[in-house]
């Protein structure tokens, strides 16, 4: 039988996490993001050369949000990603080459 954890079983948060502030990314907060990751973003700032994504391609015009949480292929295309492989009708594999040709 599964029993829920008692309060004593739950570890307390480290002091460093209690000072952590999480804020939504708004246009006004963009400079903070750039300061944190650099002008090219998290992937460009760490030296990544290829970013790969696994969006969905709706068979009809729309689909439930729960199935599109990885993003839609059309949004990836608008961001500069290129389809490199498709193993099913609704799941393309897309790539973006940082600073170069995505093929």
Protein backbone atom coordinates (compact mmCIF):
# COMPACT_ATOMS: atom_id res chain seq x y z
CA UNK A 1 0.00 0.00 0.00
CA UNK A 2 1.34 3.42 -0.99
CA UNK A 3 1.31 6.00 1.78
CA UNK A 4 1.82 9.70 1.18
CA UNK A 5 5.01 11.17 2.59
CA UNK A 6 4.78 12.72 5.99
CA UNK A 7 5.92 16.28 6.32
CA UNK A 8 9.06 15.09 8.14
CA UNK A 9 10.00 12.96 5.09
CA UNK A 10 10.13 15.94 2.72
CA UNK A 11 13.61 17.48 2.62
CA UNK A 12 13.81 21.20 3.22
CA UNK A 13 15.03 23.46 0.42
CA UNK A 14 18.62 24.61 0.57
CA UNK A 15 19.02 28.25 1.58
CA UNK A 16 20.37 29.10 -1.90
CA UNK A 17 17.05 28.06 -3.48
CA UNK A 18 14.99 30.10 -1.07
CA UNK A 19 16.60 33.23 -2.55
CA UNK A 20 15.90 32.15 -6.13
CA UNK A 21 13.43 34.39 -7.93
CA UNK A 22 11.65 33.11 -11.02
CA UNK A 23 10.11 35.74 -13.26
CA UNK A 24 8.33 35.46 -16.62
CA UNK A 25 10.26 36.52 -19.70
CA UNK A 26 8.68 39.75 -20.84
CA UNK A 27 10.05 42.25 -23.36
CA UNK A 28 11.24 44.38 -20.44
CA UNK A 29 13.23 41.42 -19.02
CA UNK A 30 14.99 40.56 -22.31
CA UNK A 31 18.15 42.49 -21.34
CA UNK A 32 18.44 40.24 -18.26
CA UNK A 33 18.28 37.15 -20.48
CA UNK A 34 20.95 38.58 -22.79
CA UNK A 35 23.15 39.37 -19.79
CA UNK A 36 22.74 35.79 -18.56
CA UNK A 37 23.23 33.88 -21.84
CA UNK A 38 24.73 36.35 -24.31
CA UNK A 39 23.29 37.90 -27.44
CA UNK A 40 23.04 34.54 -29.25
CA UNK A 41 21.03 32.88 -26.46
CA UNK A 42 21.64 29.83 -24.30
CA UNK A 43 22.75 27.56 -27.15
CA UNK A 44 24.99 30.09 -28.84
CA UNK A 45 26.51 31.17 -25.54
CA UNK A 46 27.67 27.65 -24.67
CA UNK A 47 29.24 26.95 -28.06
CA UNK A 48 26.50 24.74 -29.48
CA UNK A 49 26.64 24.57 -33.25
CA UNK A 50 23.44 22.61 -33.99
CA UNK A 51 20.07 22.76 -32.28
CA UNK A 52 17.69 19.92 -33.07
CA UNK A 53 13.95 20.02 -32.46
CA UNK A 54 11.13 17.51 -32.58
CA UNK A 55 7.93 19.42 -33.33
CA UNK A 56 4.58 18.06 -34.44
CA UNK A 57 2.89 18.57 -37.79
CA UNK A 58 -0.89 18.56 -37.27
CA UNK A 59 -2.73 16.40 -39.81
CA UNK A 60 -5.61 18.84 -39.79
CA UNK A 61 -5.51 22.58 -39.17
CA UNK A 62 -5.22 22.33 -35.40
CA UNK A 63 -4.63 19.88 -32.56
CA UNK A 64 -5.14 19.84 -28.78
CA UNK A 65 -2.51 21.87 -26.92
CA UNK A 66 -1.47 18.80 -24.93
CA UNK A 67 -0.18 17.17 -28.13
CA UNK A 68 1.67 20.24 -29.38
CA UNK A 69 3.76 21.02 -26.30
CA UNK A 70 7.01 20.46 -28.23
CA UNK A 71 5.92 23.09 -30.75
CA UNK A 72 4.60 22.95 -34.29
CA UNK A 73 6.71 22.52 -37.39
CA UNK A 74 5.46 25.83 -38.81
CA UNK A 75 6.76 27.69 -35.74
CA UNK A 76 10.13 25.96 -36.08
CA UNK A 77 10.30 26.95 -39.78
CA UNK A 78 9.58 30.59 -38.91
CA UNK A 79 12.46 30.43 -36.43
CA UNK A 80 14.85 29.25 -39.16
CA UNK A 81 14.83 25.49 -38.57
CA UNK A 82 14.99 23.14 -41.56
CA UNK A 83 13.44 19.68 -41.74
CA UNK A 84 16.19 17.05 -42.02
CA UNK A 85 14.26 13.80 -41.53
CA UNK A 86 10.71 12.56 -41.09
CA UNK A 87 10.01 9.15 -39.59
CA UNK A 88 6.25 9.59 -39.47
CA UNK A 89 3.68 11.84 -41.11
CA UNK A 90 3.32 14.06 -38.05
CA UNK A 91 6.82 14.10 -36.50
CA UNK A 92 9.53 15.90 -38.48
CA UNK A 93 13.06 16.22 -37.13
CA UNK A 94 14.27 19.78 -37.61
CA UNK A 95 17.67 21.45 -37.23
CA UNK A 96 19.06 24.91 -36.86
CA UNK A 97 22.77 25.48 -37.37
CA UNK A 98 23.94 28.35 -35.19
CA UNK A 99 25.56 30.91 -37.47
CA UNK A 100 25.33 28.78 -40.61
CA UNK A 101 23.35 26.73 -43.12
CA UNK A 102 20.84 24.33 -41.45
CA UNK A 103 21.17 21.53 -44.01
